[in-house]
Amino acid sequence: MAAVHVAFDNFFCSYDIMNYLHVNGISASGTVRRQRADLPKLVKIQMESEGDVAFVIWQDTKEVLFMTNAFHLKDNETSRKGRDNSKTDVRCPAVVKEYT
């Protein structure tokens, strides 16, 4: 992973920016809107990568689409609070754990 990691919200995050940052040695992650015109068609798949940019769809309260050039598509564990404040370990992709 690069020494610098940039995190974007869905207003700034785009495939072209993510690819440009990767080429220049800057790791980045962010949420992205599904309606963006520059997203590859493969985003319809749950977890996929195109070149050095990976896409992950995560179902939390609502569906969230993540894009990253820094994390592999492997699972990690994180804790989630239930409605009754109980903690549960949930498997999630590394980009989801690090972004949240």
C-alpha atoms as a PDB file:
ATOM      1  CA  MET A   1       0.000   0.000   0.000  1.00  0.00           C
ATOM      2  CA  ALA A   2       1.222   3.526  -0.729  1.00  0.00           C
ATOM      3  CA  ALA A   3       2.337   5.938   1.982  1.00  0.00           C
ATOM      4  CA  VAL A   4      -0.627   8.207   1.221  1.00  0.00           C
ATOM      5  CA  HIS A   5      -4.237   7.035   1.195  1.00  0.00           C
ATOM      6  CA  VAL A   6      -7.024   9.303  -0.022  1.00  0.00           C
ATOM      7  CA  ALA A   7     -10.679   8.694   0.886  1.00  0.00           C
ATOM      8  CA  PHE A   8     -13.503  10.173  -1.201  1.00  0.00           C
ATOM      9  CA  ASP A   9     -17.221  10.465  -0.769  1.00  0.00           C
ATOM     10  CA  ASN A  10     -19.514   9.761  -3.701  1.00  0.00           C
ATOM     11  CA  PHE A  11     -19.375  13.358  -4.970  1.00  0.00           C
ATOM     12  CA  PHE A  12     -15.664  13.217  -5.883  1.00  0.00           C
ATOM     13  CA  CYS A  13     -15.047   9.524  -6.530  1.00  0.00           C
ATOM     14  CA  SER A  14     -14.793   8.429 -10.159  1.00  0.00           C
ATOM     15  CA  TYR A  15     -13.173   5.603 -12.087  1.00  0.00           C
ATOM     16  CA  ASP A  16     -10.881   7.981 -13.995  1.00  0.00           C
ATOM     17  CA  ILE A  17      -9.616   9.660 -10.808  1.00  0.00           C
ATOM     18  CA  MET A  18      -9.089   6.295  -9.104  1.00  0.00           C
ATOM     19  CA  ASN A  19      -7.113   4.990 -12.069  1.00  0.00           C
ATOM     20  CA  TYR A  20      -5.041   8.203 -12.317  1.00  0.00           C
ATOM     21  CA  LEU A  21      -4.144   8.069  -8.620  1.00  0.00           C
ATOM     22  CA  HIS A  22      -3.109   4.421  -8.901  1.00  0.00           C
ATOM     23  CA  VAL A  23      -0.813   5.159 -11.861  1.00  0.00           C
ATOM     24  CA  ASN A  24       0.798   7.935  -9.790  1.00  0.00           C
ATOM     25  CA  GLY A  25       1.328   5.738  -6.719  1.00  0.00           C
ATOM     26  CA  ILE A  26      -1.448   7.121  -4.517  1.00  0.00           C
ATOM     27  CA  SER A  27      -3.851   4.644  -2.939  1.00  0.00           C
ATOM     28  CA  ALA A  28      -7.479   5.685  -2.674  1.00  0.00           C
ATOM     29  CA  SER A  29     -10.930   4.424  -1.693  1.00  0.00           C
ATOM     30  CA  GLY A  30     -14.380   5.869  -1.782  1.00  0.00           C
ATOM     31  CA  THR A  31     -18.065   5.426  -2.220  1.00  0.00           C
ATOM     32  CA  VAL A  32     -19.438   5.976  -5.688  1.00  0.00           C
ATOM     33  CA  ARG A  33     -22.858   6.556  -7.201  1.00  0.00           C
ATOM     34  CA  ARG A  34     -24.111   3.795  -9.436  1.00  0.00           C
ATOM     35  CA  GLN A  35     -25.414   6.363 -11.947  1.00  0.00           C
ATOM     36  CA  ARG A  36     -21.940   7.749 -12.793  1.00  0.00           C
ATOM     37  CA  ALA A  37     -21.381   7.672 -16.537  1.00  0.00           C
ATOM     38  CA  ASP A  38     -17.727   6.591 -16.306  1.00  0.00           C
ATOM     39  CA  LEU A  39     -18.360   3.378 -14.353  1.00  0.00           C
ATOM     40  CA  PRO A  40     -17.573   0.159 -16.207  1.00  0.00           C
ATOM     41  CA  LYS A  41     -20.483  -2.194 -16.895  1.00  0.00           C
ATOM     42  CA  LEU A  42     -18.974  -4.852 -14.623  1.00  0.00           C
ATOM     43  CA  VAL A  43     -20.176  -2.961 -11.540  1.00  0.00           C
ATOM     44  CA  LYS A  44     -23.350  -5.049 -11.777  1.00  0.00           C
ATOM     45  CA  ILE A  45     -21.300  -7.876 -10.255  1.00  0.00           C
ATOM     46  CA  GLN A  46     -21.071  -8.126  -6.443  1.00  0.00           C
ATOM     47  CA  MET A  47     -17.268  -7.933  -6.165  1.00  0.00           C
ATOM     48  CA  GLU A  48     -15.091  -7.433  -9.217  1.00  0.00           C
ATOM     49  CA  SER A  49     -11.942  -5.695 -10.303  1.00  0.00           C
ATOM     50  CA  GLU A  50     -11.002  -4.082 -13.573  1.00  0.00           C
ATOM     51  CA  GLY A  51      -7.267  -3.604 -13.876  1.00  0.00           C
ATOM     52  CA  ASP A  52      -6.093  -2.106 -10.621  1.00  0.00           C
ATOM     53  CA  VAL A  53      -9.442  -0.677  -9.511  1.00  0.00           C
ATOM     54  CA  ALA A  54     -11.836  -2.872  -7.510  1.00  0.00           C
ATOM     55  CA  PHE A  55     -15.589  -2.461  -7.013  1.00  0.00           C
ATOM     56  CA  VAL A  56     -17.511  -3.811  -4.026  1.00  0.00           C
ATOM     57  CA  ILE A  57     -21.249  -3.630  -3.374  1.00  0.00           C
ATOM     58  CA  TRP A  58     -22.006  -3.745   0.351  1.00  0.00           C
ATOM     59  CA  GLN A  59     -25.500  -4.050   1.806  1.00  0.00           C
ATOM     60  CA  ASP A  60     -25.722  -2.121   5.067  1.00  0.00           C
ATOM     61  CA  THR A  61     -28.865  -0.148   5.862  1.00  0.00           C
ATOM     62  CA  LYS A  62     -28.935   0.446   2.119  1.00  0.00           C
ATOM     63  CA  GLU A  63     -26.702  -0.633  -0.752  1.00  0.00           C
ATOM     64  CA  VAL A  64     -23.313   1.110  -0.902  1.00  0.00           C
ATOM     65  CA  LEU A  65     -20.919   0.845  -3.840  1.00  0.00           C
ATOM     66  CA  PHE A  66     -17.217   1.141  -2.994  1.00  0.00           C
ATOM     67  CA  MET A  67     -14.330   1.694  -5.377  1.00  0.00           C
ATOM     68  CA  THR A  68     -10.685   1.223  -4.376  1.00  0.00           C
ATOM     69  CA  ASN A  69      -7.215   0.904  -5.820  1.00  0.00           C
ATOM     70  CA  ALA A  70      -5.703   0.046  -2.432  1.00  0.00           C
ATOM     71  CA  PHE A  71      -7.425  -3.062  -1.077  1.00  0.00           C
ATOM     72  CA  HIS A  72      -7.778  -6.602  -2.361  1.00  0.00           C
ATOM     73  CA  LEU A  73     -11.208  -8.210  -2.522  1.00  0.00           C
ATOM     74  CA  LYS A  74     -10.627 -10.331   0.558  1.00  0.00           C
ATOM     75  CA  ASP A  75     -12.854 -10.492   3.613  1.00  0.00           C
ATOM     76  CA  ASN A  76     -12.125  -9.095   7.066  1.00  0.00           C
ATOM     77  CA  GLU A  77     -14.219  -9.077  10.206  1.00  0.00           C
ATOM     78  CA  THR A  78     -15.702  -6.048  11.834  1.00  0.00           C
ATOM     79  CA  SER A  79     -18.175  -5.526  14.672  1.00  0.00           C
ATOM     80  CA  ARG A  80     -21.679  -4.221  14.077  1.00  0.00           C
ATOM     81  CA  LYS A  81     -24.133  -3.047  16.682  1.00  0.00           C
ATOM     82  CA  GLY A  82     -27.606  -4.488  16.527  1.00  0.00           C
ATOM     83  CA  ARG A  83     -30.768  -2.608  17.363  1.00  0.00           C
ATOM     84  CA  ASP A  84     -30.531  -3.901  20.926  1.00  0.00           C
ATOM     85  CA  ASN A  85     -26.885  -2.611  21.190  1.00  0.00           C
ATOM     86  CA  SER A  86     -25.501  -6.152  20.994  1.00  0.00           C
ATOM     87  CA  LYS A  87     -22.277  -6.558  19.004  1.00  0.00           C
ATOM     88  CA  THR A  88     -22.000  -9.096  16.213  1.00  0.00           C
ATOM     89  CA  ASP A  89     -18.937 -10.000  14.149  1.00  0.00           C
ATOM     90  CA  VAL A  90     -19.679  -9.583  10.449  1.00  0.00           C
ATOM     91  CA  ARG A  91     -17.475 -10.590   7.516  1.00  0.00           C
ATOM     92  CA  CYS A  92     -16.921  -7.718   5.125  1.00  0.00           C
ATOM     93  CA  PRO A  93     -14.431  -6.695   2.439  1.00  0.00           C
ATOM     94  CA  ALA A  94     -11.321  -4.812   3.597  1.00  0.00           C
ATOM     95  CA  VAL A  95     -12.359  -1.611   1.821  1.00  0.00           C
ATOM     96  CA  VAL A  96     -15.635  -1.506   3.795  1.00  0.00           C
ATOM     97  CA  LYS A  97     -13.857  -1.989   7.116  1.00  0.00           C
ATOM     98  CA  GLU A  98     -11.225   0.658   6.418  1.00  0.00           C
ATOM     99  CA  TYR A  99     -13.640   3.212   4.926  1.00  0.00           C
ATOM    100  CA  THR A 100     -16.151   3.035   7.770  1.00  0.00           C
END
